Protein backbone atom coordinates (compact mmCIF):
# COMPACT_ATOMS: atom_id res chain seq x y z
CA MET A 1 120.48 95.46 73.54
CA PRO A 2 119.30 98.07 76.08
CA THR A 3 116.35 97.11 78.22
CA LEU A 4 113.49 98.96 79.84
CA SER A 5 112.24 97.35 83.07
CA LEU A 6 108.54 98.29 83.47
CA ILE A 7 107.23 97.71 87.00
CA THR A 8 103.54 97.27 87.70
CA ALA A 9 102.24 96.39 91.18
CA VAL A 10 98.86 94.57 90.87
CA HIS A 11 96.15 93.62 93.44
CA PRO A 12 92.71 92.02 92.88
CA LEU A 13 91.18 95.42 93.81
CA GLY A 14 91.33 97.45 90.63
CA ALA A 15 92.07 94.47 88.48
CA ASP A 16 88.95 95.08 86.32
CA PHE A 17 91.15 97.20 83.99
CA LEU A 18 93.99 94.68 83.57
CA ALA A 19 93.01 93.55 80.07
CA GLU A 20 93.24 97.14 78.84
CA THR A 21 96.51 97.71 80.58
CA ILE A 22 97.98 94.56 79.06
CA ALA A 23 96.86 95.60 75.55
CA GLN A 24 98.36 99.05 75.93
CA VAL A 25 101.73 97.73 77.02
CA THR A 26 102.01 95.02 74.37
CA GLU A 27 101.12 97.64 71.66
CA GLN A 28 103.96 99.95 72.65
CA LYS A 29 106.69 100.50 70.00
CA LEU A 30 110.13 101.01 71.50
CA PRO A 31 113.10 102.64 69.86
CA ALA A 32 115.26 100.44 67.60
CA ASP A 33 117.31 97.88 69.52
CA TRP A 34 115.44 98.43 72.81
CA SER A 35 113.60 95.63 74.57
CA VAL A 36 111.14 95.62 77.53
CA GLU A 37 110.83 93.32 80.58
CA TRP A 38 107.50 93.80 82.24
CA LEU A 39 107.88 93.03 85.95
CA VAL A 40 104.45 92.35 87.39
CA GLN A 41 104.34 91.93 91.16
CA GLU A 42 101.03 90.87 92.77
CA ASP A 43 100.24 92.10 96.33
CA GLY A 44 97.93 90.22 98.67
CA THR A 45 97.65 87.03 100.72
CA ASP A 46 95.56 85.30 98.05
CA PRO A 47 97.24 85.77 94.65
CA ARG A 48 94.90 85.19 91.76
CA LEU A 49 95.99 87.38 88.89
CA ARG A 50 98.75 85.36 87.19
CA ARG A 51 96.34 83.92 84.65
CA HIS A 52 95.76 87.40 83.19
CA PHE A 53 99.45 87.43 82.07
CA ASP A 54 99.75 83.89 80.81
CA GLY A 55 101.16 84.17 77.25
CA VAL A 56 101.80 87.89 77.44
CA PRO A 57 105.19 88.61 75.89
CA ALA A 58 108.12 89.73 78.07
CA VAL A 59 106.17 89.44 81.33
CA SER A 60 107.90 88.24 84.54
CA PHE A 61 105.23 87.68 87.16
CA GLU A 62 105.74 87.05 90.79
CA ALA A 63 103.37 87.11 93.79
CA ASN A 64 104.17 88.48 97.32
CA ASN A 65 101.96 85.89 99.08
CA GLY A 66 101.49 88.65 101.63
CA GLN A 67 99.87 92.07 102.09
CA TYR A 68 102.76 94.53 101.72
CA GLY A 69 101.31 97.63 100.06
CA PRO A 70 102.22 99.33 96.75
CA ALA A 71 105.62 100.70 97.70
CA LEU A 72 107.15 97.55 99.02
CA THR A 73 105.57 95.57 96.18
CA ARG A 74 107.22 97.83 93.61
CA ASN A 75 110.57 97.55 95.53
CA ILE A 76 110.35 93.74 95.36
CA ALA A 77 109.87 94.03 91.61
CA LEU A 78 112.82 96.43 91.46
CA THR A 79 115.13 93.70 92.83
CA ARG A 80 114.36 91.76 89.63
CA ALA A 81 115.04 94.62 87.19
CA THR A 82 117.90 94.13 84.72
CA GLY A 83 117.20 97.16 82.47
CA GLU A 84 119.19 100.29 82.32
CA LEU A 85 115.97 102.22 82.74
CA THR A 86 113.00 101.49 85.00
CA GLY A 87 109.45 102.77 84.26
CA VAL A 88 106.36 102.50 86.44
CA LEU A 89 102.83 101.83 85.39
CA ASP A 90 99.81 101.36 87.69
CA GLN A 91 97.50 98.53 86.89
CA ASP A 92 94.48 100.84 86.39
CA ASP A 93 96.04 103.66 84.35
CA VAL A 94 96.04 104.06 80.56
CA LEU A 95 99.41 104.09 78.79
CA LEU A 96 99.01 106.01 75.49
CA PRO A 97 100.66 104.90 72.25
CA GLY A 98 104.35 105.78 72.01
CA ALA A 99 104.63 106.88 75.58
CA LEU A 100 107.52 104.62 76.57
CA ALA A 101 109.61 105.51 73.48
CA GLN A 102 108.98 109.21 74.05
CA LEU A 103 110.51 109.03 77.54
CA ILE A 104 113.33 106.67 76.57
CA GLY A 105 114.53 109.20 74.07
CA HIS A 106 115.38 111.78 76.70
CA PHE A 107 117.99 109.47 78.25
CA ASP A 108 120.22 109.90 75.26
CA VAL A 109 121.55 112.91 77.21
CA PRO A 110 123.75 111.24 79.92
CA ARG A 111 122.99 113.75 82.62
CA ILE A 112 119.27 113.08 82.45
CA VAL A 113 118.47 110.66 85.28
CA TRP A 114 114.64 110.81 85.34
CA ALA A 115 111.86 111.82 82.93
CA ALA A 116 108.11 112.21 83.19
CA GLY A 117 105.29 113.28 80.91
CA GLN A 118 101.94 114.71 81.47
CA ALA A 119 98.68 112.88 82.38
CA ASP A 120 95.00 113.76 81.90
CA ASP A 121 92.36 112.39 84.22
CA LEU A 122 90.16 109.72 82.73
CA LEU A 123 86.72 110.24 84.21
CA PRO A 124 84.17 107.45 84.93
CA ASP A 125 82.05 108.78 81.94
CA GLY A 126 85.01 108.26 79.56
CA SER A 127 85.77 111.97 79.23
CA ARG A 128 89.21 113.47 79.94
CA ARG A 129 90.23 116.38 82.13
CA ALA A 130 93.55 118.05 81.37
CA TYR A 131 95.99 119.74 83.75
CA GLU A 132 98.46 122.52 83.18
CA SER A 133 102.08 121.70 83.96
CA ALA A 134 103.40 123.82 86.77
CA LEU A 135 106.95 123.46 85.54
CA PRO A 136 108.50 124.45 82.21
CA ALA A 137 109.10 121.77 79.61
CA GLY A 138 112.54 120.50 79.19
CA VAL A 139 115.53 119.89 81.49
CA LEU A 140 114.92 120.51 85.17
CA GLU A 141 118.13 121.03 87.17
CA PRO A 142 118.67 119.30 90.56
CA GLY A 143 116.61 120.91 93.37
CA VAL A 144 114.22 122.82 91.12
CA VAL A 145 111.20 120.54 91.59
CA ASN A 146 111.79 120.41 95.38
CA ASP A 147 112.01 124.15 95.54
CA TRP A 148 108.62 124.43 93.90
CA ALA A 149 107.10 121.89 96.29
CA VAL A 150 108.37 123.69 99.32
CA GLU A 151 106.89 126.99 98.11
CA HIS A 152 103.51 125.30 97.30
CA GLY A 153 102.49 123.39 100.35
CA GLY A 154 104.40 120.21 99.78
CA VAL A 155 102.77 119.42 96.43
CA TRP A 156 105.21 117.87 93.91
CA PRO A 157 104.03 118.87 90.38
CA ILE A 158 105.28 115.76 88.66
CA GLN A 159 103.17 112.85 87.39
CA PHE A 160 104.87 110.17 89.41
CA ALA A 161 102.75 107.20 88.14
CA GLY A 162 104.44 107.56 84.71
CA LEU A 163 108.00 108.19 85.94
CA MET A 164 110.94 106.73 84.14
CA VAL A 165 114.37 106.56 85.95
CA ARG A 166 117.82 105.25 85.46
CA THR A 167 117.72 101.97 87.39
CA GLN A 168 120.99 102.54 89.23
CA ALA A 169 119.78 105.92 90.50
CA LEU A 170 116.46 104.46 91.58
CA ARG A 171 118.25 101.81 93.64
CA ALA A 172 120.68 104.37 94.97
CA VAL A 173 117.86 106.40 96.61
CA GLY A 174 116.33 103.29 98.10
CA GLY A 175 113.40 102.79 95.73
CA TRP A 176 109.90 103.77 96.81
CA GLY A 177 109.42 105.09 100.35
CA THR A 178 107.56 102.59 102.53
CA GLY A 179 105.88 105.14 104.72
CA PRO A 180 102.14 105.70 105.07
CA GLY A 181 101.33 106.91 101.60
CA HIS A 182 102.99 109.39 99.26
CA GLU A 183 105.69 106.81 98.59
CA ASP A 184 106.49 108.49 95.25
CA ASN A 185 107.23 111.88 96.97
CA THR A 186 109.69 110.23 99.31
CA LEU A 187 111.55 108.66 96.41
CA PHE A 188 111.42 111.73 94.25
CA VAL A 189 112.65 114.11 96.90
CA ALA A 190 116.11 112.52 97.00
CA LEU A 191 116.18 111.69 93.23
CA SER A 192 115.48 115.23 92.02
CA GLU A 193 117.51 116.92 94.69
CA TYR A 194 120.70 115.45 93.27
CA CYS A 195 119.81 114.60 89.68
CA ALA A 196 118.61 116.47 86.63
CA GLY A 197 115.44 115.30 84.92
CA TYR A 198 113.20 116.08 81.93
CA ASN A 199 109.63 117.33 82.02
CA ASP A 200 108.05 116.20 78.72
CA PRO A 201 105.07 118.43 77.81
CA SER A 202 103.23 115.61 75.99
CA VAL A 203 100.31 113.77 77.60
CA LEU A 204 101.62 110.22 77.78
CA TRP A 205 99.14 108.46 79.99
CA LEU A 206 95.70 108.79 81.59
CA TYR A 207 95.05 108.67 85.33
CA ARG A 208 91.88 106.58 85.69
CA GLN A 209 89.42 107.86 88.27
CA HIS A 210 87.39 105.02 89.88
CA ALA A 211 85.93 104.07 93.26
CA ALA A 212 88.43 101.32 94.08
CA GLN A 213 91.63 103.37 93.81
CA MET A 214 93.57 104.12 97.03
CA THR A 215 93.49 107.89 96.79
CA GLN A 216 89.71 107.84 96.86
CA HIS A 217 89.71 106.63 100.53
CA SER A 218 90.59 108.08 103.88
CA GLY A 219 93.33 106.67 106.07
CA PRO A 220 97.11 107.27 106.40
CA TYR A 221 97.44 108.35 102.78
CA ARG A 222 95.07 111.24 103.37
CA ARG A 223 96.29 112.10 106.80
CA GLY A 224 99.38 113.46 105.20
CA ASP A 225 102.02 111.49 107.20
CA GLY A 226 103.75 110.56 103.90
CA LYS A 227 104.02 114.24 102.93
CA VAL A 228 105.49 115.02 106.25
CA MET A 229 108.11 112.28 105.77
CA ALA A 230 108.99 113.66 102.32
CA LEU A 231 109.40 117.21 103.59
CA GLN A 232 111.43 116.05 106.62
CA ARG A 233 113.64 114.06 104.19
CA LEU A 234 114.20 117.05 102.03
CA HIS A 235 115.08 119.19 105.04
CA ALA A 236 117.57 116.48 106.14
CA LEU A 237 119.16 116.33 102.70
CA ARG A 238 119.67 120.06 102.62
CA HIS A 239 120.55 120.55 106.26
CA PRO A 240 122.19 117.33 107.43
CA THR A 241 123.76 118.90 110.57
CA ALA A 242 120.66 120.96 111.56
CA PRO A 243 118.24 120.00 114.24
CA PRO A 244 115.61 117.53 112.95
CA LEU A 245 112.41 119.06 111.53
CA ARG A 246 109.61 118.35 113.97
CA HIS A 247 106.31 117.04 112.75
CA GLU A 248 104.37 120.02 114.16
CA ASP A 249 106.67 122.41 112.25
CA VAL A 250 105.80 120.88 108.87
CA SER A 251 103.01 122.60 106.94
CA PHE A 252 101.45 121.28 103.75
CA LEU A 253 98.31 121.42 101.74
CA GLU A 254 95.81 118.78 102.70
CA ALA A 255 93.35 117.05 100.37
CA ALA A 256 90.12 115.22 101.10
CA PRO A 257 89.57 111.69 99.84
CA GLY A 258 89.33 111.81 96.04
CA GLN A 259 90.15 115.52 95.89
CA LYS A 260 92.57 116.75 93.20
CA PHE A 261 93.63 120.41 93.02
CA ALA A 262 92.28 122.19 89.99
CA SER A 263 94.59 122.84 87.06
CA GLY A 264 96.64 126.00 87.70
CA TRP A 265 95.55 126.21 91.35
CA TRP A 266 99.05 127.59 92.20
CA HIS A 267 98.39 130.82 90.25
CA SER A 268 95.94 131.98 92.93
CA GLY A 269 98.11 130.88 95.83
């Protein structure tokens, strides 16, 4: 029976939405013969969230007993994955009905290594804000997404928090980058440079906007160091014998804490 390994890094900050997240995962209907193992990994020196998952089917819960950050926490969970596919879900996001099955179906094509759907923002008042996909729906050949990012200020137009990947490929690129933020970019640069993926046009999850989320605050995430690392990695992948790309030679679009670019912003760029 094929298995999907679903990784969720949890932390007491943002745990107010765990009951909703658990309900959304347990209500997912997978394709025939598929099973799910939900790998929940708690970050922080004072683990306290295990009780939320007691009795939840298919959950494998472990705690770091240390403060490691989201990337390393996901990577620790990845060492426990046994599924052919690995999906990611943040503890505070909303997984819509049928989302997992929708993405799993794209992997019937052997050359598809990653797949992602679209996400609306879920605003504090309960309303939703939609975003136009910058990329065409369907198969995206290796390098296509990275080309777009280079041409648009280091912005990768993929909804990473709902990404699904072949587990072997995810491990081959080293899992999530453990730099100062933008850990998804660092992973995806290598993954999409060499592997074809699928951009599903359906809205499969909601990105919850709330005060406790990491992207609402200043610090290394907003300084852009992670974006610099991602763009330097892409340069190294494409030009392995060239002189290293210097930090001061990397240009990218910066965002203030909590800022998201408007839908279709690239049309005026």
